[in-house]
Each structure stands twice: as structure tokens, then as C-alpha cells.
Amino acid sequence: MKSKIFGGLALATLLITSPLATDAATDRNIGIDTEKNPSISDSYNKQAPYVEGEVLVKFKEDMSMNMQQDVLSDINAEILVDENVVDSPFNVLKVKDVDQVVQTLSNNSQIEYVEPNYIMNATYTPNDPFFDISYQYGLFTTETTSAWDVTTGNSNQVVAVLDTGVDYNHEDLDDKTILGYNFVNNNNNPMDGNGHGTHVAGTAAAETNNGLGIAGVAPDTSILAVQVLDSSGSGSLANIVDGIIYAADYGAEVINLSLGCNCDTQAMEDAVDYAWDSGSVVVAAAGNSSTSTTFEPASYDNAIAVGAVDENNNIANFSNYGSWVNVTAPGVEIAGTYPSNRYVYLSGTSMASPHVAGLAALLASQGKDNSEIRRSIENTATPISGTGYYFQHGLINSFDAVNY
């Protein structure tokens, strides 16, 4: 687990009218100014929002079913049954008092971990509509246009977008989007009812040279749409963890997480580790609260944490920062795909993260494994103002990375 230091959380700005304004405001209020103890048995983040009446619990492997049932009876809890789309390492329990159950089970030596079913949010803030898409500065400041002379990706490689879904009928996404799973509604239709996921998907891998809209960083790469956030941009820890496991089991070379919360959770870290061990590169938004307090899952060792910069390579005034942030990418007024064949400008670390995910996909098309991809991204990043303080490695450089 990365060391927890005080730094700035990135604040993403969405330039459209959306109900996520209230979600973003909640995001800013849940950060804490004290270092979090990573041991749930000692404490957990009571300031972070969670699903009322639900906790996640992982029993130790040697605990029999009868013993598990005894524990559930003692706390008057029941297991919530899901669709079993993935082999979740935990159970979601329905309980009356989340705080009491977490404290009680934390003292049980047969419990590996127990934590609230935290609510995570998309990392951007709504603002006003803006539909002019005359340029995409991020593709030039990161030298992605030059990288295309080396590779434009490969349809055999997959970027999994875990988000509000993807508008798979969009003219810039329809020929390349794979319908994954909708963990919010438990069905096979990950259609985007918000817009956030569609924008993220387009930045990473929108079609190019089709005479339409925008260009994605990895235009020939496939997109796996996995819905883990609802139409308001919020999602439960359980669904997001299952989504990560699903994408890793699918074989996605890259998993983009433009979401998170100030909630250090063992279930999430285990899922990120699982994805990494499965060969996936996990890229995550650093958060939007202008603070150095860590934002999860970006802060975990096996995730690449991405902060946001503007067109002049200055750190965005909303972006989280600190030595736990690995690299930066453009995240201010990013033109991208939006439902119903629209294109809008959005801002936030949510928009920075898919730039890095797209670069990771370009590198995957060269046959690099996840360790080589991460080294290529970090070791070729361009040092900019704030490198070494606000973030470790500077601004991604796609051309240097594909030639590394």
C-alpha cells in the first residue's frame, strides 16, 4: 500500500448540466485531514459515505459454513445474493447497524476483513454546456499524434471502462465497443445513462479517420463497457470490486477507473492486486478535491494514479497531488464523446485518466506486459513544473513511451 501523505485531491470539472453536481460536492466533503490507519480492525473512515445497512465481509478460508452461519446469527445478519457474475472474494451482508457490525466482526479472528459497502463517485464536477470540439490539445501536448506513426493500437487489445456505462451506439464508439456487464442493474446492457463513461471511453479509444467527432488516444483498441456506477455517477464498493475482477478475468489489458472515494478499503486493494496479478494495467483518477489526502483506488501500489494538468501543463486547480500521484495527463476542457452522438468539453482527473489508459493500450499492442507498460509510461514522462512534489513522474509522453 502506498504511504499516505498529505497532498491535494484533484477536482474534475464537467462542462455539462448534470445531477452529478451534488455527488461531486459530497466527494469534496468526505476527505479527512488525518492519516488513515490501513487496518480496518482498528478504524475505518466513518466520514466516507456507504450503502445503508450493508457491509462487506471476507471469512478466512479455513472457516466452515457452519461457523460462518453462527457468526451471521450472532449479529442478526443475512447474506445478500447477487447474480454470481464473478467469484467475489467477499460476502455482502444486510445488517441493522453498520458501525456496530464492523466493530464486532473486526475483533473476530476468523474474519479477514470487514468494511462498509462504501459509495464511490465519478471524479468530475458538472458545469455549463459547451459543444465546440475544434481541437484536442491533449493529443499534442502528450505527443500522442507522433506516437501514432509507431502504433495506433490493436483491436485484439481491450481497454475496460468501469464507469456509468458507455453509449455503444455512439458514432465514434459503435464499431469497437464490447458489451460487458451492468453490475448496477444485474444485466448485460451497460448503456450509459449519465455521459461520464461515454466521455471517458472516447478519450481512451474513440474511432479515428472516420470523418466523425474526435480521435481517441488508442484509436484501434477495443473498449469493454462495464457499468459499475448508476445514472447519478455513484456506485457501491461491492459492484466496483466485482467489476474489476470481471474485467481482469475477461483479459482486459487495461482497466480505467475514473472514480473513487476517500476510503482506504482492503476489498478494493485486493481487487486491484488481483487485476495486476492477472496481467492488467490499472489506471485510476487521483481525485478532485485539491488536496494531498490519498484517493482510492488510485493510491494503491498496483494502480497508476493520474493527476490533471491544463493545456499549459500547469496542475489543474482541482487536481489531487502528492508523491502518491504517479503521472499527469490533460484533464481541463477535454473534448469528448457524449451520449446521442454529441461531443462536449469536460474537465477532471476523470478525463486525465483515460489519456493514460489509452497510452497503456498503445504499449500493449507492442507486446509489452503490464510491468513493461508501467515502466514505459513512468520513465518517459516529461518533467514539468511540480514534478517530484505534486506528482512523481510528470506529464505522459506517448511518443517516447512507444519508443522506450
Protein backbone atom coordinates (compact mmCIF):
# COMPACT_ATOMS: atom_id res chain seq x y z
CA MET A 1 0.00 0.00 0.00
CA LYS A 2 1.40 3.42 -0.89
CA SER A 3 2.34 5.57 2.05
CA LYS A 4 -0.38 8.03 2.97
CA ILE A 5 0.80 11.64 2.83
CA PHE A 6 -0.93 14.96 2.84
CA GLY A 7 -1.47 16.23 -0.69
CA GLY A 8 -4.11 17.71 -2.96
CA LEU A 9 -7.13 15.86 -4.33
CA ALA A 10 -7.82 16.68 -7.98
CA LEU A 11 -11.20 18.27 -8.68
CA ALA A 12 -12.65 17.35 -12.09
CA THR A 13 -14.93 19.78 -13.89
CA LEU A 14 -17.68 18.57 -16.23
CA LEU A 15 -18.88 21.22 -18.64
CA ILE A 16 -22.44 19.99 -18.92
CA THR A 17 -25.51 20.25 -16.76
CA SER A 18 -25.90 17.06 -14.74
CA PRO A 19 -27.21 15.75 -11.40
CA LEU A 20 -23.63 14.84 -10.51
CA ALA A 21 -23.10 18.30 -9.09
CA THR A 22 -24.37 17.08 -5.76
CA ASP A 23 -22.25 13.94 -5.95
CA ALA A 24 -19.13 15.97 -6.57
CA ALA A 25 -19.92 18.20 -3.65
CA THR A 26 -20.21 15.10 -1.49
CA ASP A 27 -16.85 13.94 -2.79
CA ARG A 28 -15.21 17.10 -1.53
CA ASN A 29 -16.69 16.76 1.93
CA ILE A 30 -15.63 13.20 2.68
CA GLY A 31 -11.88 13.73 2.76
CA ILE A 32 -10.19 13.63 6.15
CA ASP A 33 -7.18 15.54 7.37
CA THR A 34 -5.66 12.78 9.43
CA GLU A 35 -3.60 9.88 8.23
CA LYS A 36 -5.75 6.78 7.82
CA ASN A 37 -4.82 3.57 9.59
CA PRO A 38 -4.84 0.84 6.93
CA SER A 39 -6.09 -1.74 9.44
CA ILE A 40 -9.88 -1.99 9.43
CA SER A 41 -9.69 -3.75 12.78
CA ASP A 42 -8.50 -0.51 14.34
CA SER A 43 -10.55 2.05 12.46
CA TYR A 44 -12.30 2.86 9.23
CA ASN A 45 -13.34 6.06 7.51
CA LYS A 46 -16.70 6.90 9.09
CA GLN A 47 -16.79 10.14 7.09
CA ALA A 48 -16.94 8.33 3.75
CA PRO A 49 -20.50 7.60 2.57
CA TYR A 50 -21.62 4.00 2.35
CA VAL A 51 -24.70 1.97 1.46
CA GLU A 52 -27.01 1.98 4.46
CA GLY A 53 -27.37 -1.42 6.10
CA GLU A 54 -24.65 -3.17 4.09
CA VAL A 55 -21.14 -4.39 4.93
CA LEU A 56 -18.56 -6.46 3.09
CA VAL A 57 -17.02 -9.36 4.97
CA LYS A 58 -14.37 -11.86 3.94
CA PHE A 59 -14.21 -15.01 6.04
CA LYS A 60 -10.89 -16.80 6.35
CA GLU A 61 -10.57 -19.82 4.08
CA ASP A 62 -10.49 -22.37 6.90
CA MET A 63 -13.78 -21.16 8.36
CA SER A 64 -16.55 -23.73 7.86
CA MET A 65 -20.02 -22.86 6.58
CA ASN A 66 -21.49 -23.71 9.98
CA MET A 67 -19.10 -21.33 11.70
CA GLN A 68 -19.98 -18.62 9.18
CA GLN A 69 -23.67 -19.13 9.86
CA ASP A 70 -23.05 -18.88 13.59
CA VAL A 71 -21.36 -15.52 13.08
CA LEU A 72 -24.24 -14.28 10.95
CA SER A 73 -26.77 -15.39 13.55
CA ASP A 74 -24.89 -13.65 16.35
CA ILE A 75 -25.06 -10.30 14.55
CA ASN A 76 -28.53 -10.86 13.07
CA ALA A 77 -27.23 -10.54 9.50
CA GLU A 78 -28.06 -12.19 6.22
CA ILE A 79 -26.06 -12.61 3.02
CA LEU A 80 -27.37 -10.65 0.04
CA VAL A 81 -27.42 -12.91 -3.01
CA ASP A 82 -26.15 -11.47 -6.31
CA GLU A 83 -26.03 -12.81 -9.86
CA ASN A 84 -22.67 -14.56 -9.29
CA VAL A 85 -21.24 -13.00 -12.45
CA VAL A 86 -17.81 -13.11 -10.82
CA ASP A 87 -16.38 -15.13 -7.97
CA SER A 88 -16.42 -12.38 -5.36
CA PRO A 89 -13.90 -12.90 -2.55
CA PHE A 90 -16.35 -11.43 -0.03
CA ASN A 91 -20.00 -11.56 1.00
CA VAL A 92 -22.27 -8.54 1.18
CA LEU A 93 -24.26 -8.66 4.41
CA LYS A 94 -27.56 -6.98 5.20
CA VAL A 95 -27.30 -5.60 8.74
CA LYS A 96 -29.15 -3.20 11.01
CA ASP A 97 -26.18 -1.22 12.34
CA VAL A 98 -23.15 -0.89 10.07
CA ASP A 99 -20.89 0.70 12.68
CA GLN A 100 -21.68 -1.92 15.30
CA VAL A 101 -21.20 -4.87 12.94
CA VAL A 102 -17.88 -3.54 11.64
CA GLN A 103 -16.57 -3.11 15.17
CA THR A 104 -17.86 -6.50 16.31
CA LEU A 105 -16.51 -8.51 13.38
CA SER A 106 -13.20 -6.65 13.46
CA ASN A 107 -12.49 -8.46 16.73
CA ASN A 108 -13.24 -11.90 15.28
CA SER A 109 -10.02 -13.74 14.43
CA GLN A 110 -11.84 -15.75 11.74
CA ILE A 111 -12.63 -12.61 9.74
CA GLU A 112 -10.01 -11.49 7.21
CA TYR A 113 -11.62 -8.08 6.80
CA VAL A 114 -14.92 -6.30 7.26
CA GLU A 115 -15.81 -2.84 5.98
CA PRO A 116 -18.81 -0.75 4.96
CA ASN A 117 -20.05 -1.03 1.39
CA TYR A 118 -18.59 2.37 0.52
CA ILE A 119 -20.12 4.55 -2.17
CA MET A 120 -17.72 5.80 -4.84
CA ASN A 121 -18.29 8.59 -7.32
CA ALA A 122 -17.22 9.67 -10.75
CA THR A 123 -14.42 12.20 -10.42
CA TYR A 124 -15.74 15.36 -12.07
CA THR A 125 -17.95 18.37 -11.36
CA PRO A 126 -20.80 19.47 -13.67
CA ASN A 127 -20.88 22.99 -15.12
CA ASP A 128 -22.32 24.56 -18.28
CA PRO A 129 -22.85 23.01 -21.75
CA PHE A 130 -20.10 23.55 -24.31
CA PHE A 131 -20.28 21.74 -27.62
CA ASP A 132 -17.40 23.22 -29.67
CA ILE A 133 -14.84 20.47 -30.38
CA SER A 134 -12.47 22.42 -32.59
CA TYR A 135 -9.32 20.92 -31.07
CA GLN A 136 -7.93 18.32 -28.67
CA TYR A 137 -4.82 19.86 -27.19
CA GLY A 138 -4.07 16.79 -25.07
CA LEU A 139 -3.14 14.68 -28.07
CA PHE A 140 -0.45 17.21 -28.96
CA THR A 141 0.98 18.11 -25.55
CA THR A 142 1.47 14.40 -24.83
CA GLU A 143 2.93 13.77 -28.32
CA THR A 144 0.29 11.15 -28.99
CA THR A 145 -0.08 12.23 -32.62
CA SER A 146 3.59 11.37 -33.14
CA ALA A 147 3.17 8.05 -31.36
CA TRP A 148 0.58 7.04 -33.98
CA ASP A 149 3.43 6.77 -36.50
CA VAL A 150 4.60 3.82 -34.39
CA THR A 151 1.28 2.24 -33.32
CA THR A 152 -2.41 3.09 -33.17
CA GLY A 153 -3.29 0.11 -31.02
CA ASN A 154 -4.86 -3.21 -31.96
CA SER A 155 -8.44 -4.44 -31.80
CA ASN A 156 -7.18 -7.57 -30.04
CA GLN A 157 -6.28 -5.37 -27.06
CA VAL A 158 -9.02 -4.21 -24.71
CA VAL A 159 -9.45 -1.16 -22.50
CA ALA A 160 -12.10 -1.87 -19.88
CA VAL A 161 -14.00 1.28 -18.92
CA LEU A 162 -15.55 0.78 -15.47
CA ASP A 163 -17.94 3.68 -15.20
CA THR A 164 -21.53 4.79 -15.77
CA GLY A 165 -21.63 2.60 -18.86
CA VAL A 166 -20.88 3.51 -22.47
CA ASP A 167 -23.20 4.69 -25.23
CA TYR A 168 -22.30 1.82 -27.52
CA ASN A 169 -24.48 3.31 -30.29
CA HIS A 170 -22.37 6.48 -30.47
CA GLU A 171 -20.99 7.09 -33.96
CA ASP A 172 -17.41 7.27 -32.64
CA LEU A 173 -17.71 4.14 -30.45
CA ASP A 174 -20.24 1.78 -32.04
CA ASP A 175 -17.84 -0.34 -34.10
CA LYS A 176 -15.44 -1.03 -31.26
CA THR A 177 -17.38 -1.32 -28.01
CA ILE A 178 -17.81 -4.75 -26.43
CA LEU A 179 -20.86 -5.07 -24.21
CA GLY A 180 -19.66 -6.29 -20.84
CA TYR A 181 -21.85 -6.41 -17.75
CA ASN A 182 -24.06 -3.95 -15.88
CA PHE A 183 -23.37 -4.55 -12.19
CA VAL A 184 -25.81 -1.82 -11.16
CA ASN A 185 -28.87 -3.46 -12.71
CA ASN A 186 -27.50 -7.01 -12.97
CA ASN A 187 -27.95 -7.40 -16.71
CA ASN A 188 -25.92 -7.43 -19.92
CA ASN A 189 -26.78 -3.91 -21.01
CA PRO A 190 -24.13 -1.36 -19.92
CA MET A 191 -25.78 1.57 -21.71
CA ASP A 192 -24.68 4.92 -20.30
CA GLY A 193 -27.47 6.88 -18.65
CA ASN A 194 -25.17 9.66 -17.48
CA GLY A 195 -22.49 10.56 -20.03
CA HIS A 196 -19.38 10.29 -17.90
CA GLY A 197 -18.43 6.80 -19.06
CA THR A 198 -19.04 7.62 -22.72
CA HIS A 199 -16.70 10.60 -22.48
CA VAL A 200 -14.02 8.53 -20.75
CA ALA A 201 -14.29 5.78 -23.37
CA GLY A 202 -13.92 8.26 -26.22
CA THR A 203 -10.80 9.83 -24.78
CA ALA A 204 -9.17 6.43 -24.42
CA ALA A 205 -10.10 4.88 -27.74
CA ALA A 206 -12.61 6.70 -29.96
CA GLU A 207 -12.55 5.73 -33.62
CA THR A 208 -10.27 7.82 -35.83
CA ASN A 209 -10.10 8.58 -39.56
CA ASN A 210 -13.85 8.03 -39.82
CA GLY A 211 -14.68 11.66 -40.61
CA LEU A 212 -16.57 12.00 -37.34
CA GLY A 213 -16.04 13.66 -33.98
CA ILE A 214 -12.81 13.19 -32.09
CA ALA A 215 -9.74 10.95 -32.03
CA GLY A 216 -9.01 8.58 -29.16
CA VAL A 217 -5.52 8.04 -27.78
CA ALA A 218 -5.60 4.38 -28.90
CA PRO A 219 -7.99 4.52 -31.87
CA ASP A 220 -7.64 0.88 -32.95
CA THR A 221 -8.12 -0.59 -29.46
CA SER A 222 -11.38 -2.22 -28.37
CA ILE A 223 -13.47 -0.91 -25.46
CA LEU A 224 -15.07 -3.20 -22.87
CA ALA A 225 -18.05 -1.41 -21.31
CA VAL A 226 -18.58 -2.37 -17.67
CA GLN A 227 -21.20 -0.43 -15.72
CA VAL A 228 -20.44 -0.02 -12.02
CA LEU A 229 -21.87 3.49 -11.46
CA ASP A 230 -25.53 4.46 -11.71
CA SER A 231 -27.04 7.31 -13.71
CA SER A 232 -26.14 9.78 -10.95
CA GLY A 233 -22.48 8.76 -11.09
CA SER A 234 -22.39 6.80 -7.83
CA GLY A 235 -21.67 3.13 -7.22
CA SER A 236 -21.12 0.71 -4.37
CA LEU A 237 -17.77 -0.73 -3.37
CA ALA A 238 -19.11 -4.24 -3.95
CA ASN A 239 -20.11 -3.54 -7.55
CA ILE A 240 -16.86 -1.79 -8.38
CA VAL A 241 -14.76 -4.60 -6.91
CA ASP A 242 -16.78 -7.15 -8.87
CA GLY A 243 -16.33 -5.03 -11.99
CA ILE A 244 -12.55 -5.02 -11.59
CA ILE A 245 -12.48 -8.79 -11.14
CA TYR A 246 -14.77 -9.19 -14.17
CA ALA A 247 -12.54 -7.05 -16.39
CA ALA A 248 -9.40 -8.85 -15.25
CA ASP A 249 -10.99 -12.26 -15.85
CA TYR A 250 -12.10 -11.08 -19.30
CA GLY A 251 -8.45 -10.47 -20.09
CA ALA A 252 -8.53 -6.69 -20.45
CA GLU A 253 -5.01 -5.39 -20.89
CA VAL A 254 -6.03 -2.05 -19.36
CA ILE A 255 -8.66 -1.16 -16.76
CA ASN A 256 -9.64 2.50 -16.38
CA LEU A 257 -11.16 3.71 -13.11
CA SER A 258 -12.26 7.33 -13.34
CA LEU A 259 -13.90 7.01 -9.93
CA GLY A 260 -13.12 6.57 -6.26
CA CYS A 261 -13.52 7.92 -2.75
CA ASN A 262 -11.52 8.80 0.34
CA CYS A 263 -11.95 5.31 1.76
CA ASP A 264 -8.98 3.01 2.15
CA THR A 265 -10.58 -0.39 1.67
CA GLN A 266 -9.00 -3.84 1.70
CA ALA A 267 -11.57 -5.24 -0.73
CA MET A 268 -10.68 -2.62 -3.33
CA GLU A 269 -6.93 -3.01 -2.86
CA ASP A 270 -7.25 -6.78 -3.17
CA ALA A 271 -9.19 -6.34 -6.42
CA VAL A 272 -6.54 -4.01 -7.85
CA ASP A 273 -3.84 -6.51 -6.86
CA TYR A 274 -5.85 -9.31 -8.47
CA ALA A 275 -6.11 -7.37 -11.72
CA TRP A 276 -2.39 -6.64 -11.71
CA ASP A 277 -1.53 -10.26 -10.98
CA SER A 278 -3.83 -11.23 -13.87
CA GLY A 279 -1.79 -9.06 -16.23
CA SER A 280 -3.95 -5.93 -16.39
CA VAL A 281 -2.70 -2.36 -16.07
CA VAL A 282 -4.97 -0.46 -13.66
CA VAL A 283 -5.20 3.29 -14.29
CA ALA A 284 -7.13 5.46 -11.83
CA ALA A 285 -8.09 9.10 -11.40
CA ALA A 286 -6.33 10.82 -8.50
CA GLY A 287 -9.45 12.69 -7.39
CA ASN A 288 -10.82 16.22 -7.48
CA SER A 289 -10.54 17.81 -4.06
CA SER A 290 -7.33 19.87 -4.40
CA THR A 291 -5.73 18.01 -1.52
CA SER A 292 -2.84 15.66 -0.92
CA THR A 293 -5.04 13.27 1.04
CA THR A 294 -4.99 9.98 -0.82
CA PHE A 295 -7.86 8.92 -3.06
CA GLU A 296 -8.73 5.28 -3.56
CA PRO A 297 -8.20 3.17 -5.63
CA ALA A 298 -5.63 5.47 -7.24
CA SER A 299 -3.34 5.43 -4.20
CA TYR A 300 -2.77 1.66 -4.24
CA ASP A 301 0.63 0.33 -5.29
CA ASN A 302 -0.65 -1.61 -8.28
CA ALA A 303 -2.63 1.30 -9.73
CA ILE A 304 -1.24 4.18 -11.77
CA ALA A 305 -2.58 7.34 -10.12
CA VAL A 306 -3.24 10.15 -12.61
CA GLY A 307 -3.43 13.84 -11.81
CA ALA A 308 -4.70 16.51 -14.20
CA VAL A 309 -2.95 19.41 -15.96
CA ASP A 310 -4.21 22.11 -18.31
CA GLU A 311 -3.12 22.98 -21.85
CA ASN A 312 -0.10 24.87 -20.46
CA ASN A 313 0.98 21.85 -18.40
CA ASN A 314 0.08 23.54 -15.13
CA ILE A 315 -1.51 21.34 -12.49
CA ALA A 316 -5.27 21.81 -12.58
CA ASN A 317 -6.62 23.80 -9.66
CA PHE A 318 -8.91 20.90 -8.75
CA SER A 319 -6.40 18.07 -9.02
CA ASN A 320 -5.23 15.97 -6.12
CA TYR A 321 -1.49 15.89 -5.71
CA GLY A 322 1.33 14.33 -3.72
CA SER A 323 4.07 11.76 -4.11
CA TRP A 324 1.40 9.04 -4.35
CA VAL A 325 0.29 10.52 -7.71
CA ASN A 326 2.36 8.81 -10.39
CA VAL A 327 1.86 10.85 -13.57
CA THR A 328 -0.26 13.62 -15.00
CA ALA A 329 -2.27 13.97 -18.20
CA PRO A 330 -4.52 16.61 -19.76
CA GLY A 331 -7.72 17.00 -17.76
CA VAL A 332 -9.02 20.53 -18.32
CA GLU A 333 -11.66 21.16 -21.01
CA ILE A 334 -11.20 17.84 -22.78
CA ALA A 335 -13.38 17.43 -25.86
CA GLY A 336 -15.00 14.02 -25.96
CA THR A 337 -17.87 11.76 -26.91
CA TYR A 338 -21.22 12.10 -25.19
CA PRO A 339 -24.49 10.17 -25.49
CA SER A 340 -26.74 10.63 -28.53
CA ASN A 341 -23.84 11.38 -30.90
CA ARG A 342 -22.90 14.54 -29.04
CA TYR A 343 -19.48 15.92 -28.15
CA VAL A 344 -18.75 18.09 -25.12
CA TYR A 345 -15.87 19.52 -23.14
CA LEU A 346 -15.40 18.02 -19.69
CA SER A 347 -12.74 18.60 -17.04
CA GLY A 348 -11.38 16.47 -14.22
CA THR A 349 -8.97 13.73 -13.28
CA SER A 350 -11.67 11.50 -14.77
CA MET A 351 -10.64 12.95 -18.12
CA ALA A 352 -6.90 12.70 -17.42
CA SER A 353 -7.00 9.01 -16.51
CA PRO A 354 -8.19 7.70 -19.92
CA HIS A 355 -5.31 9.51 -21.63
CA VAL A 356 -3.00 7.24 -19.65
CA ALA A 357 -5.24 4.21 -20.21
CA GLY A 358 -5.10 4.86 -23.94
CA LEU A 359 -1.32 5.10 -23.84
CA ALA A 360 -1.19 1.83 -21.92
CA ALA A 361 -3.26 0.26 -24.71
CA LEU A 362 -0.81 1.53 -27.34
CA LEU A 363 2.01 -0.10 -25.39
CA ALA A 364 0.04 -3.33 -25.01
CA SER A 365 -0.25 -3.51 -28.79
CA GLN A 366 3.55 -3.66 -28.89
CA GLY A 367 3.52 -6.86 -26.86
CA LYS A 368 4.60 -5.29 -23.57
CA ASP A 369 3.38 -6.84 -20.31
CA ASN A 370 1.91 -4.74 -17.51
CA SER A 371 5.25 -4.19 -15.76
CA GLU A 372 6.88 -3.05 -19.00
CA ILE A 373 3.91 -0.82 -19.78
CA ARG A 374 4.09 0.89 -16.41
CA ARG A 375 7.85 1.44 -16.69
CA SER A 376 7.44 2.85 -20.18
CA ILE A 377 4.80 5.32 -19.02
CA GLU A 378 6.56 6.49 -15.88
CA ASN A 379 10.16 6.53 -17.08
CA THR A 380 9.41 8.58 -20.20
CA ALA A 381 7.09 11.14 -18.61
CA THR A 382 8.16 14.72 -19.29
CA PRO A 383 9.26 16.60 -16.17
CA ILE A 384 7.06 19.67 -15.77
CA SER A 385 6.62 22.21 -13.01
CA GLY A 386 5.66 20.40 -9.82
CA THR A 387 7.33 17.09 -10.70
CA GLY A 388 8.67 15.47 -7.56
CA TYR A 389 6.26 17.35 -5.33
CA TYR A 390 2.77 17.38 -6.84
CA PHE A 391 3.39 14.10 -8.69
CA GLN A 392 6.24 11.68 -9.21
CA HIS A 393 6.95 11.49 -12.93
CA GLY A 394 5.49 14.45 -14.80
CA LEU A 395 3.35 14.57 -17.95
CA ILE A 396 2.96 11.40 -20.01
CA ASN A 397 4.84 11.38 -23.32
CA SER A 398 3.25 8.91 -25.70
CA PHE A 399 5.91 9.13 -28.40
CA ASP A 400 8.78 8.46 -26.03
CA ALA A 401 6.82 5.70 -24.32
CA VAL A 402 6.16 3.70 -27.50
CA ASN A 403 9.85 4.07 -28.36
CA TYR A 404 11.09 3.12 -24.89
